[in-house]
């Protein structure tokens, strides 16, 4: 994945949204999110972008700083959502 941190974060969240919707759910039905960051100094930037996607929906969330992620990406996000 290439581009700025913001571009990569938005791409990940767009993909996450598409996968959840393909599964018959939506971001407002997400109950748990885990974020892996290689640089915790990026948390505020990520949090602002994250808020645009999740709005008033506030699923439980954990954010962990890690040394390295596959393909040297700066972040990875996983989510659990209810499906109908």
PDB file of N, CA and C in Angstrom:
ATOM      1  N   UNK A   1       0.848  -1.168   0.000  1.00  0.00           N
ATOM      2  CA  UNK A   1       0.000   0.000   0.000  1.00  0.00           C
ATOM      3  C   UNK A   1       0.895   1.232   0.000  1.00  0.00           C
ATOM      4  N   UNK A   2       0.542   2.184  -0.821  1.00  0.00           N
ATOM      5  CA  UNK A   2       1.339   3.396  -0.912  1.00  0.00           C
ATOM      6  C   UNK A   2       0.480   4.613  -0.597  1.00  0.00           C
ATOM      7  N   UNK A   3       1.125   5.738  -0.422  1.00  0.00           N
ATOM      8  CA  UNK A   3       0.429   6.980  -0.139  1.00  0.00           C
ATOM      9  C   UNK A   3       0.675   7.434   1.275  1.00  0.00           C
ATOM     10  N   UNK A   4       0.156   8.589   1.585  1.00  0.00           N
ATOM     11  CA  UNK A   4       0.316   9.156   2.921  1.00  0.00           C
ATOM     12  C   UNK A   4      -0.408   8.289   3.955  1.00  0.00           C
ATOM     13  N   UNK A   5      -0.128   8.574   5.212  1.00  0.00           N
ATOM     14  CA  UNK A   5      -0.813   7.860   6.293  1.00  0.00           C
ATOM     15  C   UNK A   5      -2.319   8.013   6.154  1.00  0.00           C
ATOM     16  N   UNK A   6      -2.781   9.232   5.860  1.00  0.00           N
ATOM     17  CA  UNK A   6      -4.217   9.472   5.708  1.00  0.00           C
ATOM     18  C   UNK A   6      -4.807   8.642   4.569  1.00  0.00           C
ATOM     19  N   UNK A   7      -4.131   8.608   3.437  1.00  0.00           N
ATOM     20  CA  UNK A   7      -4.608   7.825   2.286  1.00  0.00           C
ATOM     21  C   UNK A   7      -4.701   6.349   2.662  1.00  0.00           C
ATOM     22  N   UNK A   8      -3.703   5.843   3.342  1.00  0.00           N
ATOM     23  CA  UNK A   8      -3.713   4.436   3.733  1.00  0.00           C
ATOM     24  C   UNK A   8      -4.806   4.154   4.756  1.00  0.00           C
ATOM     25  N   UNK A   9      -4.978   5.041   5.728  1.00  0.00           N
ATOM     26  CA  UNK A   9      -6.023   4.850   6.741  1.00  0.00           C
ATOM     27  C   UNK A   9      -7.406   4.837   6.099  1.00  0.00           C
ATOM     28  N   UNK A  10      -7.643   5.772   5.202  1.00  0.00           N
ATOM     29  CA  UNK A  10      -8.944   5.820   4.521  1.00  0.00           C
ATOM     30  C   UNK A  10      -9.162   4.584   3.649  1.00  0.00           C
ATOM     31  N   UNK A  11      -8.133   4.125   2.997  1.00  0.00           N
ATOM     32  CA  UNK A  11      -8.242   2.924   2.166  1.00  0.00           C
ATOM     33  C   UNK A  11      -8.604   1.713   3.020  1.00  0.00           C
ATOM     34  N   UNK A  12      -7.960   1.586   4.156  1.00  0.00           N
ATOM     35  CA  UNK A  12      -8.256   0.471   5.067  1.00  0.00           C
ATOM     36  C   UNK A  12      -9.688   0.564   5.572  1.00  0.00           C
ATOM     37  N   UNK A  13     -10.109   1.736   5.988  1.00  0.00           N
ATOM     38  CA  UNK A  13     -11.474   1.899   6.500  1.00  0.00           C
ATOM     39  C   UNK A  13     -12.517   1.720   5.399  1.00  0.00           C
ATOM     40  N   UNK A  14     -12.219   2.159   4.179  1.00  0.00           N
ATOM     41  CA  UNK A  14     -13.129   1.917   3.052  1.00  0.00           C
ATOM     42  C   UNK A  14     -13.264   0.422   2.789  1.00  0.00           C
ATOM     43  N   UNK A  15     -12.147  -0.287   2.831  1.00  0.00           N
ATOM     44  CA  UNK A  15     -12.174  -1.745   2.620  1.00  0.00           C
ATOM     45  C   UNK A  15     -12.944  -2.439   3.731  1.00  0.00           C
ATOM     46  N   UNK A  16     -12.690  -2.015   4.964  1.00  0.00           N
ATOM     47  CA  UNK A  16     -13.395  -2.593   6.107  1.00  0.00           C
ATOM     48  C   UNK A  16     -14.901  -2.386   5.966  1.00  0.00           C
ATOM     49  N   UNK A  17     -15.293  -1.178   5.589  1.00  0.00           N
ATOM     50  CA  UNK A  17     -16.711  -0.864   5.387  1.00  0.00           C
ATOM     51  C   UNK A  17     -17.316  -1.748   4.295  1.00  0.00           C
ATOM     52  N   UNK A  18     -16.617  -1.903   3.188  1.00  0.00           N
ATOM     53  CA  UNK A  18     -17.115  -2.717   2.073  1.00  0.00           C
ATOM     54  C   UNK A  18     -17.263  -4.181   2.486  1.00  0.00           C
ATOM     55  N   UNK A  19     -16.304  -4.706   3.213  1.00  0.00           N
ATOM     56  CA  UNK A  19     -16.367  -6.105   3.654  1.00  0.00           C
ATOM     57  C   UNK A  19     -17.538  -6.312   4.600  1.00  0.00           C
ATOM     58  N   UNK A  20     -17.704  -5.391   5.546  1.00  0.00           N
ATOM     59  CA  UNK A  20     -18.802  -5.505   6.512  1.00  0.00           C
ATOM     60  C   UNK A  20     -20.149  -5.411   5.803  1.00  0.00           C
ATOM     61  N   UNK A  21     -20.271  -4.499   4.855  1.00  0.00           N
ATOM     62  CA  UNK A  21     -21.533  -4.357   4.118  1.00  0.00           C
ATOM     63  C   UNK A  21     -21.792  -5.572   3.227  1.00  0.00           C
ATOM     64  N   UNK A  22     -20.759  -6.131   2.646  1.00  0.00           N
ATOM     65  CA  UNK A  22     -20.914  -7.354   1.837  1.00  0.00           C
ATOM     66  C   UNK A  22     -21.413  -8.511   2.698  1.00  0.00           C
ATOM     67  N   UNK A  23     -21.047  -8.484   3.964  1.00  0.00           N
ATOM     68  CA  UNK A  23     -21.498  -9.511   4.898  1.00  0.00           C
ATOM     69  C   UNK A  23     -22.889  -9.256   5.453  1.00  0.00           C
ATOM     70  N   UNK A  24     -23.538  -8.195   5.006  1.00  0.00           N
ATOM     71  CA  UNK A  24     -24.913  -7.924   5.432  1.00  0.00           C
ATOM     72  C   UNK A  24     -25.016  -7.060   6.677  1.00  0.00           C
ATOM     73  N   UNK A  25     -23.973  -6.334   6.999  1.00  0.00           N
ATOM     74  CA  UNK A  25     -24.005  -5.489   8.187  1.00  0.00           C
ATOM     75  C   UNK A  25     -23.588  -4.064   7.806  1.00  0.00           C
ATOM     76  N   UNK A  26     -23.227  -3.263   8.789  1.00  0.00           N
ATOM     77  CA  UNK A  26     -22.799  -1.889   8.532  1.00  0.00           C
ATOM     78  C   UNK A  26     -21.888  -1.435   9.666  1.00  0.00           C
ATOM     79  N   UNK A  27     -21.218  -0.315   9.449  1.00  0.00           N
ATOM     80  CA  UNK A  27     -20.300   0.183  10.472  1.00  0.00           C
ATOM     81  C   UNK A  27     -21.002   0.499  11.784  1.00  0.00           C
ATOM     82  N   UNK A  28     -22.274   0.867  11.745  1.00  0.00           N
ATOM     83  CA  UNK A  28     -22.974   1.155  12.999  1.00  0.00           C
ATOM     84  C   UNK A  28     -23.331  -0.102  13.784  1.00  0.00           C
ATOM     85  N   UNK A  29     -23.054  -1.270  13.209  1.00  0.00           N
ATOM     86  CA  UNK A  29     -23.287  -2.538  13.917  1.00  0.00           C
ATOM     87  C   UNK A  29     -21.978  -3.176  14.370  1.00  0.00           C
ATOM     88  N   UNK A  30     -20.879  -2.440  14.212  1.00  0.00           N
ATOM     89  CA  UNK A  30     -19.577  -2.915  14.696  1.00  0.00           C
ATOM     90  C   UNK A  30     -19.565  -2.810  16.213  1.00  0.00           C
ATOM     91  N   UNK A  31     -19.130  -3.882  16.875  1.00  0.00           N
ATOM     92  CA  UNK A  31     -19.109  -3.891  18.339  1.00  0.00           C
ATOM     93  C   UNK A  31     -17.697  -3.828  18.911  1.00  0.00           C
ATOM     94  N   UNK A  32     -16.689  -4.175  18.101  1.00  0.00           N
ATOM     95  CA  UNK A  32     -15.310  -4.175  18.609  1.00  0.00           C
ATOM     96  C   UNK A  32     -14.349  -3.891  17.468  1.00  0.00           C
ATOM     97  N   UNK A  33     -13.415  -2.988  17.698  1.00  0.00           N
ATOM     98  CA  UNK A  33     -12.383  -2.643  16.728  1.00  0.00           C
ATOM     99  C   UNK A  33     -11.026  -2.763  17.413  1.00  0.00           C
ATOM    100  N   UNK A  34     -10.083  -3.359  16.720  1.00  0.00           N
ATOM    101  CA  UNK A  34      -8.700  -3.397  17.196  1.00  0.00           C
ATOM    102  C   UNK A  34      -7.828  -2.739  16.138  1.00  0.00           C
ATOM    103  N   UNK A  35      -7.040  -1.781  16.583  1.00  0.00           N
ATOM    104  CA  UNK A  35      -6.161  -1.029  15.686  1.00  0.00           C
ATOM    105  C   UNK A  35      -4.718  -1.314  16.085  1.00  0.00           C
ATOM    106  N   UNK A  36      -3.911  -1.631  15.090  1.00  0.00           N
ATOM    107  CA  UNK A  36      -2.489  -1.845  15.299  1.00  0.00           C
ATOM    108  C   UNK A  36      -1.753  -0.722  14.579  1.00  0.00           C
ATOM    109  N   UNK A  37      -0.974   0.058  15.322  1.00  0.00           N
ATOM    110  CA  UNK A  37      -0.222   1.183  14.761  1.00  0.00           C
ATOM    111  C   UNK A  37       1.273   0.955  14.967  1.00  0.00           C
ATOM    112  N   UNK A  38       2.062   1.300  13.975  1.00  0.00           N
ATOM    113  CA  UNK A  38       3.513   1.211  14.149  1.00  0.00           C
ATOM    114  C   UNK A  38       4.078   2.477  14.783  1.00  0.00           C
ATOM    115  N   UNK A  39       3.269   3.537  14.876  1.00  0.00           N
ATOM    116  CA  UNK A  39       3.701   4.790  15.482  1.00  0.00           C
ATOM    117  C   UNK A  39       2.526   5.429  16.219  1.00  0.00           C
ATOM    118  N   UNK A  40       2.539   5.318  17.531  1.00  0.00           N
ATOM    119  CA  UNK A  40       1.429   5.834  18.336  1.00  0.00           C
ATOM    120  C   UNK A  40       1.297   7.353  18.209  1.00  0.00           C
ATOM    121  N   UNK A  41       2.323   8.030  17.721  1.00  0.00           N
ATOM    122  CA  UNK A  41       2.225   9.472  17.480  1.00  0.00           C
ATOM    123  C   UNK A  41       1.207   9.788  16.392  1.00  0.00           C
ATOM    124  N   UNK A  42       0.778   8.792  15.635  1.00  0.00           N
ATOM    125  CA  UNK A  42      -0.231   8.960  14.580  1.00  0.00           C
ATOM    126  C   UNK A  42      -1.654   8.779  15.099  1.00  0.00           C
ATOM    127  N   UNK A  43      -1.805   8.477  16.389  1.00  0.00           N
ATOM    128  CA  UNK A  43      -3.124   8.158  16.932  1.00  0.00           C
ATOM    129  C   UNK A  43      -4.131   9.289  16.731  1.00  0.00           C
ATOM    130  N   UNK A  44      -3.752  10.524  17.015  1.00  0.00           N
ATOM    131  CA  UNK A  44      -4.693  11.648  16.876  1.00  0.00           C
ATOM    132  C   UNK A  44      -5.150  11.797  15.429  1.00  0.00           C
ATOM    133  N   UNK A  45      -4.227  11.657  14.491  1.00  0.00           N
ATOM    134  CA  UNK A  45      -4.572  11.730  13.066  1.00  0.00           C
ATOM    135  C   UNK A  45      -5.530  10.612  12.687  1.00  0.00           C
ATOM    136  N   UNK A  46      -5.223   9.409  13.141  1.00  0.00           N
ATOM    137  CA  UNK A  46      -6.104   8.276  12.858  1.00  0.00           C
ATOM    138  C   UNK A  46      -7.461   8.472  13.518  1.00  0.00           C
ATOM    139  N   UNK A  47      -7.475   8.954  14.740  1.00  0.00           N
ATOM    140  CA  UNK A  47      -8.726   9.129  15.477  1.00  0.00           C
ATOM    141  C   UNK A  47      -9.674  10.077  14.756  1.00  0.00           C
ATOM    142  N   UNK A  48      -9.143  11.132  14.160  1.00  0.00           N
ATOM    143  CA  UNK A  48      -9.979  12.085  13.415  1.00  0.00           C
ATOM    144  C   UNK A  48     -10.599  11.405  12.188  1.00  0.00           C
ATOM    145  N   UNK A  49      -9.824  10.616  11.487  1.00  0.00           N
ATOM    146  CA  UNK A  49     -10.330   9.897  10.310  1.00  0.00           C
ATOM    147  C   UNK A  49     -11.343   8.841  10.746  1.00  0.00           C
ATOM    148  N   UNK A  50     -11.012   8.100  11.783  1.00  0.00           N
ATOM    149  CA  UNK A  50     -11.877   7.059  12.336  1.00  0.00           C
ATOM    150  C   UNK A  50     -13.254   7.635  12.694  1.00  0.00           C
ATOM    151  N   UNK A  51     -13.273   8.816  13.307  1.00  0.00           N
ATOM    152  CA  UNK A  51     -14.531   9.456  13.715  1.00  0.00           C
ATOM    153  C   UNK A  51     -15.413   9.766  12.514  1.00  0.00           C
ATOM    154  N   UNK A  52     -14.819  10.082  11.364  1.00  0.00           N
ATOM    155  CA  UNK A  52     -15.605  10.336  10.153  1.00  0.00           C
ATOM    156  C   UNK A  52     -16.355   9.077   9.705  1.00  0.00           C
ATOM    157  N   UNK A  53     -15.760   7.936   9.899  1.00  0.00           N
ATOM    158  CA  UNK A  53     -16.374   6.677   9.473  1.00  0.00           C
ATOM    159  C   UNK A  53     -17.379   6.140  10.484  1.00  0.00           C
ATOM    160  N   UNK A  54     -17.066   6.260  11.757  1.00  0.00           N
ATOM    161  CA  UNK A  54     -17.922   5.667  12.772  1.00  0.00           C
ATOM    162  C   UNK A  54     -18.897   6.654  13.394  1.00  0.00           C
ATOM    163  N   UNK A  55     -18.700   7.950  13.204  1.00  0.00           N
ATOM    164  CA  UNK A  55     -19.644   8.950  13.681  1.00  0.00           C
ATOM    165  C   UNK A  55     -20.008   8.766  15.134  1.00  0.00           C
ATOM    166  N   UNK A  56     -21.307   8.727  15.396  1.00  0.00           N
ATOM    167  CA  UNK A  56     -21.801   8.570  16.764  1.00  0.00           C
ATOM    168  C   UNK A  56     -21.699   7.129  17.262  1.00  0.00           C
ATOM    169  N   UNK A  57     -21.485   6.203  16.346  1.00  0.00           N
ATOM    170  CA  UNK A  57     -21.296   4.805  16.736  1.00  0.00           C
ATOM    171  C   UNK A  57     -19.949   4.695  17.440  1.00  0.00           C
ATOM    172  N   UNK A  58     -19.940   4.202  18.624  1.00  0.00           N
ATOM    173  CA  UNK A  58     -18.698   4.106  19.388  1.00  0.00           C
ATOM    174  C   UNK A  58     -18.469   2.665  19.856  1.00  0.00           C
ATOM    175  N   UNK A  59     -18.005   1.815  18.938  1.00  0.00           N
ATOM    176  CA  UNK A  59     -17.747   0.430  19.354  1.00  0.00           C
ATOM    177  C   UNK A  59     -16.568   0.377  20.322  1.00  0.00           C
ATOM    178  N   UNK A  60     -16.504  -0.691  21.102  1.00  0.00           N
ATOM    179  CA  UNK A  60     -15.333  -0.895  21.959  1.00  0.00           C
ATOM    180  C   UNK A  60     -14.106  -0.883  21.066  1.00  0.00           C
ATOM    181  N   UNK A  61     -13.026  -0.295  21.564  1.00  0.00           N
ATOM    182  CA  UNK A  61     -11.849  -0.160  20.708  1.00  0.00           C
ATOM    183  C   UNK A  61     -10.582  -0.342  21.521  1.00  0.00           C
ATOM    184  N   UNK A  62      -9.632  -1.034  20.923  1.00  0.00           N
ATOM    185  CA  UNK A  62      -8.290  -1.152  21.486  1.00  0.00           C
ATOM    186  C   UNK A  62      -7.317  -0.667  20.426  1.00  0.00           C
ATOM    187  N   UNK A  63      -6.288   0.025  20.864  1.00  0.00           N
ATOM    188  CA  UNK A  63      -5.244   0.483  19.948  1.00  0.00           C
ATOM    189  C   UNK A  63      -3.907   0.053  20.536  1.00  0.00           C
ATOM    190  N   UNK A  64      -3.132  -0.643  19.729  1.00  0.00           N
ATOM    191  CA  UNK A  64      -1.878  -1.211  20.190  1.00  0.00           C
ATOM    192  C   UNK A  64      -0.754  -0.748  19.279  1.00  0.00           C
ATOM    193  N   UNK A  65       0.331  -0.303  19.876  1.00  0.00           N
ATOM    194  CA  UNK A  65       1.512   0.025  19.073  1.00  0.00           C
ATOM    195  C   UNK A  65       2.329  -1.251  18.890  1.00  0.00           C
ATOM    196  N   UNK A  66       2.695  -1.503  17.643  1.00  0.00           N
ATOM    197  CA  UNK A  66       3.477  -2.693  17.312  1.00  0.00           C
ATOM    198  C   UNK A  66       4.765  -2.265  16.611  1.00  0.00           C
ATOM    199  N   UNK A  67       5.729  -3.142  16.642  1.00  0.00           N
ATOM    200  CA  UNK A  67       7.022  -2.857  16.039  1.00  0.00           C
ATOM    201  C   UNK A  67       6.960  -2.865  14.515  1.00  0.00           C
ATOM    202  N   UNK A  68       6.224  -3.816  13.966  1.00  0.00           N
ATOM    203  CA  UNK A  68       6.178  -3.959  12.510  1.00  0.00           C
ATOM    204  C   UNK A  68       4.911  -4.707  12.114  1.00  0.00           C
ATOM    205  N   UNK A  69       4.379  -4.361  10.936  1.00  0.00           N
ATOM    206  CA  UNK A  69       3.219  -5.042  10.380  1.00  0.00           C
ATOM    207  C   UNK A  69       3.586  -5.643   9.028  1.00  0.00           C
ATOM    208  N   UNK A  70       2.821  -6.632   8.567  1.00  0.00           N
ATOM    209  CA  UNK A  70       3.103  -7.224   7.259  1.00  0.00           C
ATOM    210  C   UNK A  70       3.178  -6.157   6.166  1.00  0.00           C
ATOM    211  N   UNK A  71       4.097  -6.338   5.263  1.00  0.00           N
ATOM    212  CA  UNK A  71       4.320  -5.436   4.128  1.00  0.00           C
ATOM    213  C   UNK A  71       4.685  -4.022   4.574  1.00  0.00           C
ATOM    214  N   UNK A  72       5.118  -3.894   5.831  1.00  0.00           N
ATOM    215  CA  UNK A  72       5.568  -2.612   6.395  1.00  0.00           C
ATOM    216  C   UNK A  72       4.538  -1.492   6.307  1.00  0.00           C
ATOM    217  N   UNK A  73       3.249  -1.846   6.401  1.00  0.00           N
ATOM    218  CA  UNK A  73       2.202  -0.828   6.443  1.00  0.00           C
ATOM    219  C   UNK A  73       2.216  -0.164   7.821  1.00  0.00           C
ATOM    220  N   UNK A  74       1.719   1.074   7.922  1.00  0.00           N
ATOM    221  CA  UNK A  74       1.759   1.766   9.211  1.00  0.00           C
ATOM    222  C   UNK A  74       0.613   1.405  10.162  1.00  0.00           C
ATOM    223  N   UNK A  75      -0.440   0.776   9.633  1.00  0.00           N
ATOM    224  CA  UNK A  75      -1.550   0.402  10.499  1.00  0.00           C
ATOM    225  C   UNK A  75      -2.340  -0.753   9.917  1.00  0.00           C
ATOM    226  N   UNK A  76      -3.040  -1.415  10.811  1.00  0.00           N
ATOM    227  CA  UNK A  76      -3.941  -2.504  10.440  1.00  0.00           C
ATOM    228  C   UNK A  76      -5.135  -2.384  11.374  1.00  0.00           C
ATOM    229  N   UNK A  77      -6.325  -2.665  10.825  1.00  0.00           N
ATOM    230  CA  UNK A  77      -7.554  -2.547  11.617  1.00  0.00           C
ATOM    231  C   UNK A  77      -8.383  -3.800  11.429  1.00  0.00           C
ATOM    232  N   UNK A  78      -8.878  -4.343  12.541  1.00  0.00           N
ATOM    233  CA  UNK A  78      -9.805  -5.461  12.473  1.00  0.00           C
ATOM    234  C   UNK A  78     -11.067  -5.076  13.224  1.00  0.00           C
ATOM    235  N   UNK A  79     -12.186  -5.661  12.829  1.00  0.00           N
ATOM    236  CA  UNK A  79     -13.453  -5.318  13.452  1.00  0.00           C
ATOM    237  C   UNK A  79     -14.360  -6.532  13.552  1.00  0.00           C
ATOM    238  N   UNK A  80     -15.244  -6.496  14.535  1.00  0.00           N
ATOM    239  CA  UNK A  80     -16.282  -7.505  14.698  1.00  0.00           C
ATOM    240  C   UNK A  80     -17.612  -6.778  14.642  1.00  0.00           C
ATOM    241  N   UNK A  81     -18.518  -7.275  13.782  1.00  0.00           N
ATOM    242  CA  UNK A  81     -19.823  -6.637  13.624  1.00  0.00           C
ATOM    243  C   UNK A  81     -20.937  -7.665  13.705  1.00  0.00           C
ATOM    244  N   UNK A  82     -22.091  -7.240  14.192  1.00  0.00           N
ATOM    245  CA  UNK A  82     -23.285  -8.078  14.145  1.00  0.00           C
ATOM    246  C   UNK A  82     -23.792  -8.138  12.709  1.00  0.00           C
ATOM    247  N   UNK A  83     -24.266  -9.302  12.310  1.00  0.00           N
ATOM    248  CA  UNK A  83     -24.881  -9.462  10.999  1.00  0.00           C
ATOM    249  C   UNK A  83     -26.323  -9.911  11.179  1.00  0.00           C
ATOM    250  N   UNK A  84     -27.153  -9.525  10.248  1.00  0.00           N
ATOM    251  CA  UNK A  84     -28.578  -9.904  10.310  1.00  0.00           C
ATOM    252  C   UNK A  84     -28.797 -11.278   9.720  1.00  0.00           C
TER     253      UNK A  84
END
